[in-house]
N, C-alpha and C. Protein backbone atom coordinates (compact mmCIF):
# COMPACT_ATOMS: atom_id res chain seq x y z
N MET A 1 62.58 -11.72 52.30
CA MET A 1 62.86 -11.08 51.06
C MET A 1 63.44 -12.03 50.03
N SER A 2 63.95 -13.06 50.51
CA SER A 2 64.54 -14.00 49.58
C SER A 2 63.49 -14.65 48.70
N ASP A 3 62.26 -14.86 49.25
CA ASP A 3 61.19 -15.45 48.44
C ASP A 3 60.76 -14.48 47.34
N ALA A 4 60.72 -13.21 47.67
CA ALA A 4 60.29 -12.22 46.70
C ALA A 4 61.34 -12.07 45.60
N ALA A 5 62.57 -12.24 45.94
CA ALA A 5 63.61 -12.09 44.95
C ALA A 5 63.63 -13.28 44.00
N GLU A 6 63.22 -14.45 44.52
CA GLU A 6 63.24 -15.64 43.68
C GLU A 6 62.06 -15.68 42.70
N THR A 7 60.96 -15.00 43.01
CA THR A 7 59.78 -15.02 42.15
C THR A 7 59.98 -14.00 41.03
N THR A 8 59.94 -14.51 39.84
CA THR A 8 60.15 -13.63 38.69
C THR A 8 58.83 -13.45 37.94
N ILE A 9 58.84 -12.51 37.05
CA ILE A 9 57.62 -12.22 36.29
C ILE A 9 57.21 -13.41 35.44
N PRO A 10 58.12 -14.09 34.76
CA PRO A 10 57.67 -15.27 34.01
C PRO A 10 57.07 -16.34 34.91
N ASP A 11 57.54 -16.46 36.16
CA ASP A 11 56.96 -17.43 37.08
C ASP A 11 55.54 -17.02 37.47
N LEU A 12 55.37 -15.73 37.69
CA LEU A 12 54.02 -15.24 38.04
C LEU A 12 53.06 -15.43 36.86
N LEU A 13 53.51 -15.16 35.65
CA LEU A 13 52.67 -15.34 34.48
C LEU A 13 52.33 -16.81 34.26
N ALA A 14 53.23 -17.68 34.62
CA ALA A 14 52.99 -19.11 34.45
C ALA A 14 51.93 -19.60 35.42
N ARG A 15 51.77 -18.92 36.57
CA ARG A 15 50.77 -19.33 37.55
C ARG A 15 49.37 -18.78 37.25
N LEU A 16 49.24 -17.87 36.27
CA LEU A 16 47.92 -17.33 35.92
C LEU A 16 47.06 -18.40 35.29
N GLU A 17 45.76 -18.35 35.56
CA GLU A 17 44.81 -19.28 34.96
C GLU A 17 43.86 -18.51 34.06
N ASP A 18 43.36 -19.17 33.01
CA ASP A 18 42.41 -18.53 32.09
C ASP A 18 41.10 -18.22 32.81
N ILE A 19 40.41 -17.20 32.26
CA ILE A 19 39.11 -16.83 32.81
C ILE A 19 38.11 -17.92 32.41
N ALA A 20 37.28 -18.31 33.35
CA ALA A 20 36.27 -19.33 33.06
C ALA A 20 35.11 -18.67 32.30
N VAL A 21 34.89 -19.14 31.07
CA VAL A 21 33.81 -18.59 30.24
C VAL A 21 32.56 -19.44 30.46
N PRO A 22 31.43 -18.79 30.78
CA PRO A 22 30.22 -19.58 31.02
C PRO A 22 29.69 -20.17 29.70
N GLU A 23 28.85 -21.17 29.83
CA GLU A 23 28.23 -21.79 28.66
C GLU A 23 27.35 -20.74 27.96
N PRO A 24 27.30 -20.74 26.62
CA PRO A 24 26.43 -19.78 25.92
C PRO A 24 24.96 -20.07 26.23
N VAL A 25 24.20 -18.99 26.30
CA VAL A 25 22.78 -19.12 26.59
C VAL A 25 22.06 -19.68 25.37
N SER A 26 21.24 -20.66 25.60
CA SER A 26 20.52 -21.31 24.51
C SER A 26 19.36 -20.43 24.06
N TRP A 27 19.13 -20.41 22.74
CA TRP A 27 18.00 -19.67 22.19
C TRP A 27 16.73 -20.51 22.19
N MET A 28 16.84 -21.76 22.53
CA MET A 28 15.67 -22.62 22.58
C MET A 28 14.83 -22.24 23.80
N PRO A 29 13.50 -22.20 23.61
CA PRO A 29 12.63 -21.84 24.74
C PRO A 29 12.77 -22.86 25.87
N GLN A 30 12.70 -22.37 27.07
CA GLN A 30 12.88 -23.25 28.23
C GLN A 30 11.59 -23.97 28.62
N THR A 31 10.45 -23.39 28.21
CA THR A 31 9.17 -24.03 28.53
C THR A 31 8.38 -24.23 27.25
N THR A 32 7.40 -25.09 27.32
CA THR A 32 6.57 -25.35 26.14
C THR A 32 5.69 -24.15 25.81
N ALA A 33 5.34 -23.34 26.79
CA ALA A 33 4.50 -22.16 26.52
C ALA A 33 5.21 -21.20 25.57
N TRP A 34 6.52 -21.02 25.77
CA TRP A 34 7.27 -20.14 24.87
C TRP A 34 7.34 -20.72 23.47
N ALA A 35 7.44 -22.03 23.38
CA ALA A 35 7.46 -22.68 22.07
C ALA A 35 6.12 -22.49 21.36
N PHE A 36 5.02 -22.64 22.10
CA PHE A 36 3.70 -22.41 21.50
C PHE A 36 3.53 -20.95 21.09
N LEU A 37 4.02 -20.03 21.91
CA LEU A 37 3.93 -18.61 21.58
C LEU A 37 4.74 -18.31 20.31
N ALA A 38 5.92 -18.86 20.21
CA ALA A 38 6.74 -18.65 19.02
C ALA A 38 6.05 -19.23 17.79
N ALA A 39 5.44 -20.39 17.92
CA ALA A 39 4.73 -20.99 16.80
C ALA A 39 3.52 -20.14 16.41
N ALA A 40 2.78 -19.64 17.40
CA ALA A 40 1.61 -18.80 17.12
C ALA A 40 2.01 -17.51 16.44
N LEU A 41 3.09 -16.89 16.91
CA LEU A 41 3.56 -15.65 16.28
C LEU A 41 4.05 -15.90 14.86
N SER A 42 4.71 -17.01 14.64
CA SER A 42 5.15 -17.35 13.29
C SER A 42 3.96 -17.59 12.37
N PHE A 43 2.95 -18.29 12.87
CA PHE A 43 1.74 -18.53 12.09
C PHE A 43 1.04 -17.22 11.77
N ALA A 44 0.95 -16.32 12.76
CA ALA A 44 0.29 -15.03 12.54
C ALA A 44 1.06 -14.20 11.51
N ALA A 45 2.38 -14.22 11.56
CA ALA A 45 3.18 -13.46 10.60
C ALA A 45 3.00 -14.01 9.19
N ILE A 46 2.96 -15.32 9.06
CA ILE A 46 2.75 -15.93 7.74
C ILE A 46 1.35 -15.61 7.23
N ALA A 47 0.35 -15.69 8.11
CA ALA A 47 -1.02 -15.39 7.70
C ALA A 47 -1.16 -13.93 7.27
N MET A 48 -0.52 -13.02 7.98
CA MET A 48 -0.58 -11.60 7.60
C MET A 48 0.13 -11.36 6.27
N ALA A 49 1.22 -12.05 6.04
CA ALA A 49 1.92 -11.89 4.76
C ALA A 49 1.07 -12.41 3.61
N ILE A 50 0.39 -13.54 3.82
CA ILE A 50 -0.49 -14.08 2.78
C ILE A 50 -1.66 -13.12 2.53
N TRP A 51 -2.24 -12.59 3.60
CA TRP A 51 -3.36 -11.65 3.47
C TRP A 51 -2.92 -10.39 2.71
N ALA A 52 -1.74 -9.88 3.06
CA ALA A 52 -1.24 -8.68 2.38
C ALA A 52 -0.97 -8.95 0.90
N LEU A 53 -0.44 -10.10 0.59
CA LEU A 53 -0.19 -10.45 -0.81
C LEU A 53 -1.50 -10.57 -1.59
N ARG A 54 -2.50 -11.20 -0.99
CA ARG A 54 -3.80 -11.32 -1.66
C ARG A 54 -4.44 -9.95 -1.87
N ARG A 55 -4.34 -9.10 -0.87
CA ARG A 55 -4.91 -7.76 -0.98
C ARG A 55 -4.19 -6.96 -2.07
N TRP A 56 -2.87 -7.08 -2.11
CA TRP A 56 -2.08 -6.38 -3.12
C TRP A 56 -2.48 -6.85 -4.52
N ARG A 57 -2.66 -8.18 -4.68
CA ARG A 57 -3.06 -8.71 -5.98
C ARG A 57 -4.49 -8.29 -6.33
N ALA A 58 -5.37 -8.27 -5.33
CA ALA A 58 -6.77 -7.91 -5.59
C ALA A 58 -6.90 -6.44 -5.98
N ASN A 59 -6.00 -5.60 -5.55
CA ASN A 59 -6.06 -4.17 -5.85
C ASN A 59 -5.23 -3.79 -7.07
N ARG A 60 -4.85 -4.75 -7.85
CA ARG A 60 -4.08 -4.47 -9.05
C ARG A 60 -4.85 -3.56 -10.00
N TYR A 61 -6.16 -3.80 -10.12
CA TYR A 61 -6.96 -2.98 -11.03
C TYR A 61 -6.95 -1.52 -10.60
N ARG A 62 -6.87 -1.25 -9.28
CA ARG A 62 -6.80 0.13 -8.80
C ARG A 62 -5.50 0.79 -9.24
N ARG A 63 -4.39 0.07 -9.05
CA ARG A 63 -3.10 0.64 -9.43
C ARG A 63 -3.04 0.92 -10.93
N GLU A 64 -3.56 0.00 -11.73
CA GLU A 64 -3.56 0.20 -13.18
C GLU A 64 -4.47 1.36 -13.57
N ALA A 65 -5.62 1.47 -12.91
CA ALA A 65 -6.55 2.57 -13.21
C ALA A 65 -5.95 3.91 -12.82
N LEU A 66 -5.27 3.97 -11.68
CA LEU A 66 -4.63 5.23 -11.27
C LEU A 66 -3.51 5.62 -12.24
N HIS A 67 -2.79 4.63 -12.72
CA HIS A 67 -1.74 4.90 -13.70
C HIS A 67 -2.36 5.44 -14.99
N GLU A 68 -3.44 4.80 -15.44
CA GLU A 68 -4.11 5.25 -16.66
C GLU A 68 -4.71 6.64 -16.47
N LEU A 69 -5.25 6.91 -15.28
CA LEU A 69 -5.80 8.24 -15.01
C LEU A 69 -4.71 9.30 -15.08
N GLY A 70 -3.52 8.98 -14.61
CA GLY A 70 -2.40 9.92 -14.73
C GLY A 70 -2.05 10.20 -16.18
N GLN A 71 -2.09 9.19 -17.01
CA GLN A 71 -1.83 9.37 -18.43
C GLN A 71 -2.93 10.21 -19.08
N LEU A 72 -4.18 9.95 -18.70
CA LEU A 72 -5.29 10.74 -19.25
C LEU A 72 -5.19 12.20 -18.82
N GLU A 73 -4.77 12.42 -17.60
CA GLU A 73 -4.60 13.80 -17.11
C GLU A 73 -3.56 14.54 -17.94
N ALA A 74 -2.47 13.87 -18.25
CA ALA A 74 -1.43 14.50 -19.06
C ALA A 74 -1.93 14.76 -20.48
N ARG A 75 -2.67 13.81 -21.04
CA ARG A 75 -3.22 14.02 -22.38
C ARG A 75 -4.23 15.15 -22.41
N TRP A 76 -5.08 15.22 -21.38
CA TRP A 76 -6.10 16.27 -21.30
C TRP A 76 -5.45 17.64 -21.18
N ALA A 77 -4.39 17.71 -20.36
CA ALA A 77 -3.67 18.97 -20.19
C ALA A 77 -2.97 19.38 -21.48
N ALA A 78 -2.57 18.40 -22.29
CA ALA A 78 -1.91 18.70 -23.55
C ALA A 78 -2.89 19.09 -24.65
N GLY A 79 -4.19 18.98 -24.36
CA GLY A 79 -5.20 19.41 -25.33
C GLY A 79 -5.82 18.29 -26.14
N ASP A 80 -5.62 17.04 -25.74
CA ASP A 80 -6.23 15.93 -26.45
C ASP A 80 -7.73 15.90 -26.14
N PRO A 81 -8.60 16.07 -27.12
CA PRO A 81 -10.04 16.14 -26.86
C PRO A 81 -10.64 14.81 -26.41
N SER A 82 -10.03 13.70 -26.76
CA SER A 82 -10.59 12.40 -26.38
C SER A 82 -10.26 12.00 -24.94
N ALA A 83 -9.34 12.69 -24.31
CA ALA A 83 -8.93 12.33 -22.95
C ALA A 83 -10.06 12.56 -21.95
N ALA A 84 -10.85 13.61 -22.14
CA ALA A 84 -11.93 13.89 -21.20
C ALA A 84 -12.96 12.78 -21.21
N ALA A 85 -13.34 12.31 -22.39
CA ALA A 85 -14.31 11.22 -22.48
C ALA A 85 -13.73 9.93 -21.91
N SER A 86 -12.44 9.77 -22.00
CA SER A 86 -11.80 8.55 -21.49
C SER A 86 -11.84 8.47 -19.98
N VAL A 87 -11.94 9.60 -19.30
CA VAL A 87 -12.05 9.58 -17.83
C VAL A 87 -13.35 8.91 -17.44
N ALA A 88 -14.45 9.27 -18.08
CA ALA A 88 -15.74 8.64 -17.79
C ALA A 88 -15.71 7.15 -18.12
N THR A 89 -15.08 6.81 -19.21
CA THR A 89 -14.97 5.41 -19.61
C THR A 89 -14.13 4.62 -18.60
N LEU A 90 -13.07 5.23 -18.12
CA LEU A 90 -12.21 4.57 -17.13
C LEU A 90 -13.00 4.28 -15.85
N LEU A 91 -13.77 5.23 -15.37
CA LEU A 91 -14.57 5.00 -14.17
C LEU A 91 -15.59 3.87 -14.39
N ARG A 92 -16.16 3.81 -15.57
CA ARG A 92 -17.11 2.75 -15.88
C ARG A 92 -16.40 1.39 -15.87
N ARG A 93 -15.20 1.33 -16.43
CA ARG A 93 -14.44 0.07 -16.45
C ARG A 93 -14.07 -0.38 -15.04
N VAL A 94 -13.69 0.57 -14.19
CA VAL A 94 -13.36 0.22 -12.80
C VAL A 94 -14.61 -0.28 -12.08
N ALA A 95 -15.75 0.36 -12.33
CA ALA A 95 -16.99 -0.08 -11.69
C ALA A 95 -17.36 -1.49 -12.14
N LEU A 96 -17.07 -1.82 -13.37
CA LEU A 96 -17.35 -3.17 -13.86
C LEU A 96 -16.46 -4.21 -13.20
N GLN A 97 -15.33 -3.78 -12.66
CA GLN A 97 -14.45 -4.70 -11.93
C GLN A 97 -15.02 -5.08 -10.57
N ILE A 98 -15.82 -4.19 -9.97
CA ILE A 98 -16.26 -4.41 -8.59
C ILE A 98 -17.70 -4.86 -8.47
N ALA A 99 -18.48 -4.74 -9.52
CA ALA A 99 -19.90 -5.10 -9.45
C ALA A 99 -20.28 -5.91 -10.69
N PRO A 100 -21.35 -6.66 -10.58
CA PRO A 100 -21.79 -7.44 -11.75
C PRO A 100 -22.15 -6.54 -12.93
N ARG A 101 -21.85 -7.00 -14.10
CA ARG A 101 -22.11 -6.24 -15.32
C ARG A 101 -23.58 -5.86 -15.44
N GLU A 102 -24.49 -6.74 -15.02
CA GLU A 102 -25.92 -6.47 -15.14
C GLU A 102 -26.35 -5.27 -14.31
N SER A 103 -25.67 -5.02 -13.19
CA SER A 103 -26.08 -3.92 -12.33
C SER A 103 -25.35 -2.61 -12.66
N VAL A 104 -24.26 -2.66 -13.41
CA VAL A 104 -23.50 -1.45 -13.70
C VAL A 104 -23.70 -0.95 -15.13
N ALA A 105 -23.72 -1.85 -16.06
CA ALA A 105 -23.72 -1.45 -17.47
C ALA A 105 -24.93 -0.62 -17.86
N SER A 106 -26.07 -0.86 -17.23
CA SER A 106 -27.28 -0.15 -17.63
C SER A 106 -27.48 1.17 -16.88
N LEU A 107 -26.62 1.49 -15.94
CA LEU A 107 -26.78 2.72 -15.16
C LEU A 107 -26.46 3.95 -16.01
N ALA A 108 -27.28 4.98 -15.82
CA ALA A 108 -27.07 6.24 -16.54
C ALA A 108 -27.59 7.37 -15.67
N GLY A 109 -27.13 8.56 -15.94
CA GLY A 109 -27.63 9.75 -15.25
C GLY A 109 -27.37 9.72 -13.76
N ASP A 110 -28.40 10.14 -13.01
CA ASP A 110 -28.27 10.20 -11.55
C ASP A 110 -28.07 8.83 -10.92
N ALA A 111 -28.59 7.78 -11.54
CA ALA A 111 -28.38 6.43 -11.01
C ALA A 111 -26.89 6.06 -11.07
N TRP A 112 -26.22 6.44 -12.15
CA TRP A 112 -24.78 6.17 -12.30
C TRP A 112 -23.98 6.96 -11.26
N LEU A 113 -24.31 8.23 -11.09
CA LEU A 113 -23.62 9.04 -10.09
C LEU A 113 -23.91 8.53 -8.68
N GLY A 114 -25.14 8.08 -8.46
CA GLY A 114 -25.48 7.49 -7.16
C GLY A 114 -24.70 6.23 -6.88
N PHE A 115 -24.52 5.39 -7.91
CA PHE A 115 -23.71 4.17 -7.75
C PHE A 115 -22.29 4.54 -7.33
N LEU A 116 -21.71 5.53 -7.99
CA LEU A 116 -20.34 5.94 -7.65
C LEU A 116 -20.26 6.47 -6.23
N ASP A 117 -21.21 7.35 -5.85
CA ASP A 117 -21.16 7.95 -4.52
C ASP A 117 -21.49 6.96 -3.42
N ASP A 118 -22.30 5.96 -3.70
CA ASP A 118 -22.64 4.97 -2.67
C ASP A 118 -21.45 4.10 -2.30
N ARG A 119 -20.44 4.06 -3.13
CA ARG A 119 -19.29 3.21 -2.87
C ARG A 119 -18.11 3.95 -2.25
N VAL A 120 -18.30 5.22 -1.91
CA VAL A 120 -17.23 6.00 -1.31
C VAL A 120 -17.85 6.97 -0.31
N LYS A 121 -17.10 7.37 0.71
CA LYS A 121 -17.61 8.32 1.69
C LYS A 121 -17.69 9.71 1.06
N GLY A 122 -18.81 10.35 1.26
CA GLY A 122 -18.98 11.69 0.73
C GLY A 122 -19.60 11.67 -0.65
N GLU A 123 -20.02 12.85 -1.08
CA GLU A 123 -20.61 13.00 -2.41
C GLU A 123 -19.56 13.57 -3.36
N LEU A 124 -19.04 12.72 -4.18
CA LEU A 124 -18.03 13.15 -5.15
C LEU A 124 -18.64 13.55 -6.48
N PHE A 125 -19.71 12.86 -6.88
CA PHE A 125 -20.22 13.05 -8.23
C PHE A 125 -21.66 13.57 -8.30
N ARG A 126 -22.41 13.47 -7.24
CA ARG A 126 -23.80 13.95 -7.28
C ARG A 126 -23.88 15.48 -7.21
N SER A 127 -22.82 16.08 -6.75
CA SER A 127 -22.86 17.54 -6.59
C SER A 127 -21.58 18.16 -7.15
N GLY A 128 -21.65 19.45 -7.41
CA GLY A 128 -20.49 20.21 -7.86
C GLY A 128 -20.00 19.78 -9.23
N VAL A 129 -18.71 19.87 -9.38
CA VAL A 129 -18.08 19.56 -10.66
C VAL A 129 -18.19 18.07 -11.00
N GLY A 130 -18.47 17.25 -10.03
CA GLY A 130 -18.61 15.82 -10.27
C GLY A 130 -19.76 15.48 -11.20
N ARG A 131 -20.80 16.31 -11.21
CA ARG A 131 -21.95 16.09 -12.11
C ARG A 131 -21.53 16.20 -13.58
N ARG A 132 -20.45 16.91 -13.86
CA ARG A 132 -19.99 17.07 -15.24
C ARG A 132 -19.51 15.75 -15.83
N LEU A 133 -19.32 14.75 -14.99
CA LEU A 133 -18.90 13.43 -15.47
C LEU A 133 -19.91 12.88 -16.48
N LEU A 134 -21.19 13.20 -16.28
CA LEU A 134 -22.22 12.73 -17.20
C LEU A 134 -22.04 13.29 -18.60
N ASP A 135 -21.51 14.50 -18.70
CA ASP A 135 -21.37 15.16 -20.00
C ASP A 135 -20.06 14.82 -20.71
N LEU A 136 -19.09 14.26 -19.98
CA LEU A 136 -17.76 14.03 -20.58
C LEU A 136 -17.80 13.09 -21.77
N ALA A 137 -18.64 12.08 -21.70
CA ALA A 137 -18.64 11.08 -22.77
C ALA A 137 -19.30 11.59 -24.05
N TYR A 138 -20.12 12.66 -23.93
CA TYR A 138 -20.92 13.08 -25.08
C TYR A 138 -20.58 14.47 -25.62
N ALA A 139 -20.02 15.32 -24.80
CA ALA A 139 -19.74 16.69 -25.24
C ALA A 139 -18.24 16.89 -25.36
N PRO A 140 -17.82 17.76 -26.22
CA PRO A 140 -16.37 18.05 -26.29
C PRO A 140 -15.91 18.73 -25.00
N ALA A 141 -14.70 18.42 -24.61
CA ALA A 141 -14.19 18.94 -23.34
C ALA A 141 -14.12 20.46 -23.33
N GLU A 142 -13.90 21.07 -24.48
CA GLU A 142 -13.78 22.53 -24.52
C GLU A 142 -15.11 23.20 -24.17
N GLY A 143 -16.23 22.59 -24.49
CA GLY A 143 -17.53 23.18 -24.24
C GLY A 143 -18.05 22.95 -22.84
N LEU A 144 -17.34 22.20 -22.02
CA LEU A 144 -17.83 21.88 -20.68
C LEU A 144 -17.42 22.92 -19.64
N GLY A 145 -16.51 23.77 -19.96
CA GLY A 145 -16.02 24.72 -18.96
C GLY A 145 -15.16 24.04 -17.90
N LEU A 146 -14.48 22.98 -18.27
CA LEU A 146 -13.64 22.24 -17.33
C LEU A 146 -12.16 22.50 -17.60
N GLU A 147 -11.80 23.73 -17.64
CA GLU A 147 -10.40 24.06 -17.82
C GLU A 147 -9.83 24.48 -16.46
N GLY A 148 -8.57 24.26 -16.26
CA GLY A 148 -7.89 24.70 -15.05
C GLY A 148 -8.39 23.99 -13.80
N ASP A 149 -8.98 24.77 -12.87
CA ASP A 149 -9.39 24.22 -11.58
C ASP A 149 -10.51 23.20 -11.71
N GLY A 150 -11.43 23.43 -12.62
CA GLY A 150 -12.53 22.47 -12.81
C GLY A 150 -12.03 21.11 -13.26
N ARG A 151 -11.10 21.11 -14.19
CA ARG A 151 -10.52 19.85 -14.66
C ARG A 151 -9.75 19.17 -13.54
N ALA A 152 -8.96 19.95 -12.82
CA ALA A 152 -8.17 19.37 -11.73
C ALA A 152 -9.08 18.80 -10.64
N GLU A 153 -10.17 19.50 -10.35
CA GLU A 153 -11.11 19.02 -9.32
C GLU A 153 -11.78 17.73 -9.76
N LEU A 154 -12.22 17.66 -11.00
CA LEU A 154 -12.87 16.45 -11.51
C LEU A 154 -11.90 15.27 -11.50
N LEU A 155 -10.67 15.50 -11.92
CA LEU A 155 -9.67 14.43 -11.91
C LEU A 155 -9.33 14.00 -10.49
N ALA A 156 -9.30 14.95 -9.56
CA ALA A 156 -9.04 14.61 -8.15
C ALA A 156 -10.17 13.75 -7.59
N ARG A 157 -11.41 14.08 -7.96
CA ARG A 157 -12.54 13.27 -7.50
C ARG A 157 -12.49 11.86 -8.10
N ALA A 158 -12.14 11.77 -9.37
CA ALA A 158 -12.02 10.45 -9.99
C ALA A 158 -10.90 9.65 -9.33
N ARG A 159 -9.79 10.30 -9.07
CA ARG A 159 -8.66 9.63 -8.41
C ARG A 159 -9.06 9.14 -7.02
N ARG A 160 -9.78 9.99 -6.28
CA ARG A 160 -10.21 9.62 -4.92
C ARG A 160 -11.17 8.44 -4.99
N TRP A 161 -12.08 8.44 -5.95
CA TRP A 161 -13.03 7.33 -6.06
C TRP A 161 -12.29 6.03 -6.38
N ILE A 162 -11.37 6.08 -7.31
CA ILE A 162 -10.64 4.86 -7.66
C ILE A 162 -9.85 4.34 -6.47
N ARG A 163 -9.26 5.24 -5.73
CA ARG A 163 -8.42 4.84 -4.61
C ARG A 163 -9.23 4.28 -3.43
N PHE A 164 -10.38 4.89 -3.12
CA PHE A 164 -11.05 4.60 -1.85
C PHE A 164 -12.41 3.93 -1.98
N HIS A 165 -12.84 3.55 -3.17
CA HIS A 165 -14.18 2.93 -3.25
C HIS A 165 -14.19 1.56 -2.59
N ARG A 166 -15.37 1.19 -2.13
CA ARG A 166 -15.56 -0.13 -1.54
C ARG A 166 -16.01 -1.08 -2.65
N ALA A 167 -15.36 -2.19 -2.70
CA ALA A 167 -15.69 -3.17 -3.75
C ALA A 167 -16.88 -4.01 -3.34
């Protein structure tokens, strides 16, 4: 008991040793295969970012056309008679962005509607209210019978074509 009485708490604390902390794990790959994989993944990520940036820049005309179509829709709803004709003009301008001027500028009638429908899935303009696109540039909007649902349907078809056509 004499040994236990002589050992004090400060003596016991003095005999404690620090916990051994292991070396930190290195983030460097241990084999060359991991290094090649990291390089390949980095290259793929950079290539995808460049591709996405090019695609975003190439589709600038679509974003601008959709913005302009929204403005035309508001003008048409407000009763501006020139807004209806501007929808047809806008589609023609977008078509000139994706095809040579020689093949688009001379199109009229069913050939023009066929050009539009050939570049998107489904028939947007050859049938239904889409055929009224031919009359927009020449007749006043009030005489076309495109009020309410007809106008909304035609604008939806134009929006869909601008968004999803193949260049």
